[in-house]
Amino acid sequence: MDGSHFRRQAPIGPYVVDFFCPAKRLIIELDGGHHNEDDTAARDLARQGWLENEGYRVIRFWNSEIGSDPTAVLERIYVELYGSREAEAAPLKHRRT
């Protein structure tokens, strides 16, 4: 994505994350249906808390989102990496005072 490099199945501390962009400290996790189960959801929450306490940003997507709306997923990743697309598209106008 615009030159950002991601590592797949990257080890971070005691965990292995799905995708990791070291330059932005951004982690992307893809969750299947089993992540809806109570035990798995509790582990995910603890894991995400640890990662965030270490200074990483974590975003999660359901596997079904990847298939049903890949454009929205890519846009969310873009915004996490670079900020708002609208902010880049509409530069500030200078006023004379």
N, C-alpha and C. Protein backbone atom coordinates (compact mmCIF):
# COMPACT_ATOMS: atom_id res chain seq x y z
N MET A 1 0.84 -1.17 0.00
CA MET A 1 0.00 0.00 0.00
C MET A 1 0.88 1.24 0.00
N ASP A 2 1.00 1.89 -1.12
CA ASP A 2 1.80 3.11 -1.26
C ASP A 2 3.19 2.98 -0.64
N GLY A 3 3.84 1.86 -0.85
CA GLY A 3 5.21 1.68 -0.38
C GLY A 3 5.36 1.20 1.05
N SER A 4 4.28 1.03 1.77
CA SER A 4 4.38 0.50 3.13
C SER A 4 4.66 -0.99 3.06
N HIS A 5 5.55 -1.44 3.90
CA HIS A 5 5.91 -2.86 3.90
C HIS A 5 5.28 -3.55 5.10
N PHE A 6 4.68 -4.69 4.83
CA PHE A 6 4.06 -5.50 5.87
C PHE A 6 4.77 -6.84 5.96
N ARG A 7 4.88 -7.33 7.18
CA ARG A 7 5.36 -8.68 7.41
C ARG A 7 4.16 -9.55 7.75
N ARG A 8 4.15 -10.75 7.22
CA ARG A 8 3.06 -11.69 7.49
C ARG A 8 3.50 -12.65 8.58
N GLN A 9 2.58 -12.97 9.50
CA GLN A 9 2.87 -13.87 10.61
C GLN A 9 4.13 -13.43 11.35
N ALA A 10 4.11 -12.18 11.78
CA ALA A 10 5.27 -11.57 12.43
C ALA A 10 5.24 -11.80 13.94
N PRO A 11 6.34 -12.27 14.52
CA PRO A 11 6.41 -12.41 15.97
C PRO A 11 6.62 -11.04 16.64
N ILE A 12 5.79 -10.77 17.64
CA ILE A 12 5.93 -9.56 18.45
C ILE A 12 5.73 -9.98 19.90
N GLY A 13 6.77 -9.87 20.69
CA GLY A 13 6.69 -10.33 22.08
C GLY A 13 6.27 -11.78 22.12
N PRO A 14 5.29 -12.11 22.95
CA PRO A 14 4.86 -13.51 23.06
C PRO A 14 3.83 -13.91 21.99
N TYR A 15 3.56 -13.04 21.04
CA TYR A 15 2.49 -13.28 20.06
C TYR A 15 3.02 -13.33 18.63
N VAL A 16 2.22 -13.90 17.76
CA VAL A 16 2.46 -13.84 16.32
C VAL A 16 1.23 -13.17 15.73
N VAL A 17 1.45 -12.04 15.04
CA VAL A 17 0.33 -11.28 14.48
C VAL A 17 0.20 -11.59 13.00
N ASP A 18 -1.00 -11.38 12.47
CA ASP A 18 -1.26 -11.70 11.06
C ASP A 18 -0.43 -10.84 10.12
N PHE A 19 -0.51 -9.52 10.28
CA PHE A 19 0.25 -8.60 9.43
C PHE A 19 0.79 -7.47 10.29
N PHE A 20 2.02 -7.03 9.98
CA PHE A 20 2.66 -6.00 10.78
C PHE A 20 3.43 -5.05 9.87
N CYS A 21 3.16 -3.74 10.03
CA CYS A 21 3.91 -2.70 9.33
C CYS A 21 4.83 -2.04 10.35
N PRO A 22 6.11 -2.43 10.37
CA PRO A 22 7.02 -1.90 11.40
C PRO A 22 7.14 -0.37 11.38
N ALA A 23 7.18 0.24 10.21
CA ALA A 23 7.38 1.69 10.12
C ALA A 23 6.26 2.47 10.81
N LYS A 24 5.05 1.92 10.80
CA LYS A 24 3.90 2.60 11.40
C LYS A 24 3.44 1.95 12.69
N ARG A 25 4.12 0.88 13.10
CA ARG A 25 3.74 0.11 14.30
C ARG A 25 2.26 -0.29 14.23
N LEU A 26 1.84 -0.67 13.04
CA LEU A 26 0.45 -1.04 12.78
C LEU A 26 0.33 -2.55 12.61
N ILE A 27 -0.60 -3.12 13.34
CA ILE A 27 -0.89 -4.55 13.27
C ILE A 27 -2.28 -4.72 12.70
N ILE A 28 -2.41 -5.65 11.77
CA ILE A 28 -3.71 -6.00 11.21
C ILE A 28 -3.98 -7.45 11.54
N GLU A 29 -5.12 -7.70 12.17
CA GLU A 29 -5.53 -9.05 12.51
C GLU A 29 -6.78 -9.41 11.73
N LEU A 30 -6.81 -10.60 11.19
CA LEU A 30 -7.97 -11.12 10.47
C LEU A 30 -8.60 -12.21 11.31
N ASP A 31 -9.88 -12.05 11.61
CA ASP A 31 -10.57 -12.96 12.52
C ASP A 31 -11.61 -13.80 11.81
N GLY A 32 -11.53 -15.09 12.03
CA GLY A 32 -12.56 -16.01 11.55
C GLY A 32 -13.66 -16.14 12.59
N GLY A 33 -14.65 -16.97 12.30
CA GLY A 33 -15.81 -17.12 13.17
C GLY A 33 -15.49 -17.57 14.58
N HIS A 34 -14.42 -18.35 14.75
CA HIS A 34 -14.08 -18.84 16.09
C HIS A 34 -13.67 -17.71 17.04
N HIS A 35 -13.36 -16.54 16.50
CA HIS A 35 -13.01 -15.40 17.35
C HIS A 35 -14.25 -14.82 18.04
N ASN A 36 -15.41 -15.30 17.66
CA ASN A 36 -16.66 -14.90 18.31
C ASN A 36 -16.93 -15.69 19.58
N GLU A 37 -16.22 -16.79 19.76
CA GLU A 37 -16.41 -17.62 20.96
C GLU A 37 -15.81 -16.90 22.16
N ASP A 38 -16.45 -17.09 23.33
CA ASP A 38 -16.06 -16.35 24.53
C ASP A 38 -14.58 -16.49 24.88
N ASP A 39 -14.07 -17.72 24.90
CA ASP A 39 -12.66 -17.93 25.29
C ASP A 39 -11.71 -17.25 24.31
N THR A 40 -11.98 -17.41 23.03
CA THR A 40 -11.11 -16.81 22.02
C THR A 40 -11.20 -15.29 22.07
N ALA A 41 -12.41 -14.76 22.23
CA ALA A 41 -12.58 -13.30 22.31
C ALA A 41 -11.84 -12.73 23.52
N ALA A 42 -11.87 -13.44 24.64
CA ALA A 42 -11.16 -12.98 25.84
C ALA A 42 -9.65 -12.99 25.61
N ARG A 43 -9.14 -14.01 24.95
CA ARG A 43 -7.70 -14.06 24.64
C ARG A 43 -7.32 -12.93 23.67
N ASP A 44 -8.18 -12.70 22.68
CA ASP A 44 -7.93 -11.61 21.72
C ASP A 44 -7.86 -10.26 22.44
N LEU A 45 -8.77 -10.05 23.38
CA LEU A 45 -8.80 -8.78 24.12
C LEU A 45 -7.53 -8.60 24.94
N ALA A 46 -7.10 -9.65 25.62
CA ALA A 46 -5.87 -9.57 26.42
C ALA A 46 -4.66 -9.34 25.53
N ARG A 47 -4.62 -10.03 24.42
CA ARG A 47 -3.51 -9.91 23.47
C ARG A 47 -3.45 -8.49 22.90
N GLN A 48 -4.61 -7.97 22.49
CA GLN A 48 -4.66 -6.62 21.94
C GLN A 48 -4.25 -5.59 22.99
N GLY A 49 -4.69 -5.79 24.22
CA GLY A 49 -4.29 -4.88 25.31
C GLY A 49 -2.78 -4.86 25.50
N TRP A 50 -2.16 -6.03 25.47
CA TRP A 50 -0.71 -6.11 25.62
C TRP A 50 -0.02 -5.37 24.48
N LEU A 51 -0.46 -5.63 23.25
CA LEU A 51 0.15 -5.00 22.08
C LEU A 51 0.01 -3.48 22.14
N GLU A 52 -1.18 -3.00 22.50
CA GLU A 52 -1.40 -1.55 22.59
C GLU A 52 -0.56 -0.93 23.70
N ASN A 53 -0.42 -1.64 24.82
CA ASN A 53 0.43 -1.13 25.91
C ASN A 53 1.89 -1.04 25.49
N GLU A 54 2.29 -1.84 24.52
CA GLU A 54 3.65 -1.80 23.99
C GLU A 54 3.81 -0.75 22.88
N GLY A 55 2.73 -0.03 22.58
CA GLY A 55 2.82 1.06 21.61
C GLY A 55 2.41 0.71 20.19
N TYR A 56 1.79 -0.45 19.99
CA TYR A 56 1.33 -0.83 18.66
C TYR A 56 -0.12 -0.43 18.49
N ARG A 57 -0.50 -0.13 17.24
CA ARG A 57 -1.92 0.09 16.92
C ARG A 57 -2.43 -1.20 16.29
N VAL A 58 -3.60 -1.62 16.71
CA VAL A 58 -4.17 -2.88 16.23
C VAL A 58 -5.52 -2.59 15.59
N ILE A 59 -5.69 -3.06 14.36
CA ILE A 59 -7.01 -3.02 13.74
C ILE A 59 -7.38 -4.45 13.37
N ARG A 60 -8.67 -4.74 13.47
CA ARG A 60 -9.15 -6.09 13.24
C ARG A 60 -10.23 -6.07 12.17
N PHE A 61 -10.24 -7.12 11.38
CA PHE A 61 -11.28 -7.32 10.37
C PHE A 61 -11.76 -8.76 10.47
N TRP A 62 -13.04 -8.95 10.25
CA TRP A 62 -13.59 -10.29 10.10
C TRP A 62 -13.21 -10.79 8.71
N ASN A 63 -12.94 -12.07 8.60
CA ASN A 63 -12.64 -12.65 7.29
C ASN A 63 -13.75 -12.34 6.30
N SER A 64 -14.99 -12.33 6.77
CA SER A 64 -16.12 -12.06 5.88
C SER A 64 -16.06 -10.65 5.31
N GLU A 65 -15.50 -9.69 6.05
CA GLU A 65 -15.36 -8.32 5.54
C GLU A 65 -14.40 -8.27 4.35
N ILE A 66 -13.36 -9.09 4.41
CA ILE A 66 -12.38 -9.11 3.32
C ILE A 66 -13.06 -9.53 2.03
N GLY A 67 -13.92 -10.54 2.11
CA GLY A 67 -14.61 -11.02 0.92
C GLY A 67 -15.76 -10.14 0.47
N SER A 68 -16.49 -9.58 1.43
CA SER A 68 -17.71 -8.85 1.07
C SER A 68 -17.46 -7.39 0.71
N ASP A 69 -16.45 -6.76 1.30
CA ASP A 69 -16.20 -5.33 1.03
C ASP A 69 -14.71 -5.01 1.10
N PRO A 70 -13.93 -5.57 0.18
CA PRO A 70 -12.48 -5.34 0.25
C PRO A 70 -12.09 -3.87 0.10
N THR A 71 -12.87 -3.09 -0.62
CA THR A 71 -12.56 -1.67 -0.79
C THR A 71 -12.61 -0.96 0.55
N ALA A 72 -13.63 -1.24 1.35
CA ALA A 72 -13.74 -0.61 2.67
C ALA A 72 -12.58 -1.02 3.57
N VAL A 73 -12.17 -2.27 3.48
CA VAL A 73 -11.04 -2.75 4.28
C VAL A 73 -9.77 -2.00 3.87
N LEU A 74 -9.52 -1.90 2.58
CA LEU A 74 -8.32 -1.20 2.11
C LEU A 74 -8.35 0.28 2.48
N GLU A 75 -9.52 0.90 2.41
CA GLU A 75 -9.62 2.31 2.79
C GLU A 75 -9.32 2.50 4.27
N ARG A 76 -9.82 1.59 5.11
CA ARG A 76 -9.54 1.68 6.55
C ARG A 76 -8.05 1.54 6.82
N ILE A 77 -7.40 0.60 6.13
CA ILE A 77 -5.95 0.42 6.31
C ILE A 77 -5.22 1.68 5.85
N TYR A 78 -5.63 2.23 4.72
CA TYR A 78 -5.00 3.45 4.20
C TYR A 78 -5.09 4.59 5.22
N VAL A 79 -6.28 4.78 5.78
CA VAL A 79 -6.47 5.85 6.76
C VAL A 79 -5.60 5.61 7.99
N GLU A 80 -5.48 4.37 8.43
CA GLU A 80 -4.63 4.07 9.58
C GLU A 80 -3.16 4.36 9.28
N LEU A 81 -2.76 4.11 8.05
CA LEU A 81 -1.37 4.33 7.66
C LEU A 81 -1.05 5.80 7.42
N TYR A 82 -1.94 6.50 6.73
CA TYR A 82 -1.62 7.84 6.22
C TYR A 82 -2.54 8.95 6.69
N GLY A 83 -3.60 8.63 7.40
CA GLY A 83 -4.55 9.65 7.81
C GLY A 83 -5.68 9.75 6.80
N SER A 84 -6.51 10.74 6.95
CA SER A 84 -7.71 10.90 6.14
C SER A 84 -7.37 11.15 4.68
N ARG A 85 -8.05 10.46 3.81
CA ARG A 85 -7.88 10.69 2.37
C ARG A 85 -8.39 12.08 2.00
N GLU A 86 -9.46 12.54 2.65
CA GLU A 86 -10.02 13.85 2.36
C GLU A 86 -9.02 14.95 2.71
N ALA A 87 -8.28 14.77 3.81
CA ALA A 87 -7.31 15.78 4.22
C ALA A 87 -6.23 15.95 3.16
N GLU A 88 -5.84 14.86 2.53
CA GLU A 88 -4.83 14.96 1.48
C GLU A 88 -5.41 15.56 0.21
N ALA A 89 -6.66 15.25 -0.08
CA ALA A 89 -7.27 15.68 -1.34
C ALA A 89 -7.64 17.16 -1.31
N ALA A 90 -7.90 17.72 -0.14
CA ALA A 90 -8.34 19.11 -0.04
C ALA A 90 -7.33 19.91 0.78
N PRO A 91 -6.31 20.48 0.14
CA PRO A 91 -5.34 21.26 0.89
C PRO A 91 -5.99 22.51 1.49
N LEU A 92 -5.42 22.99 2.56
CA LEU A 92 -5.95 24.19 3.21
C LEU A 92 -5.79 25.39 2.29
N LYS A 93 -6.80 26.23 2.27
CA LYS A 93 -6.74 27.47 1.49
C LYS A 93 -6.29 28.59 2.41
N HIS A 94 -5.40 29.42 1.90
CA HIS A 94 -4.90 30.54 2.70
C HIS A 94 -5.79 31.76 2.46
N ARG A 95 -6.08 32.47 3.54
CA ARG A 95 -6.89 33.69 3.44
C ARG A 95 -5.99 34.90 3.62
N ARG A 96 -6.36 35.94 2.94
CA ARG A 96 -5.68 37.22 3.19
C ARG A 96 -6.39 37.92 4.33
N THR A 97 -5.61 38.52 5.20
CA THR A 97 -6.22 39.25 6.32
C THR A 97 -5.87 40.71 6.28
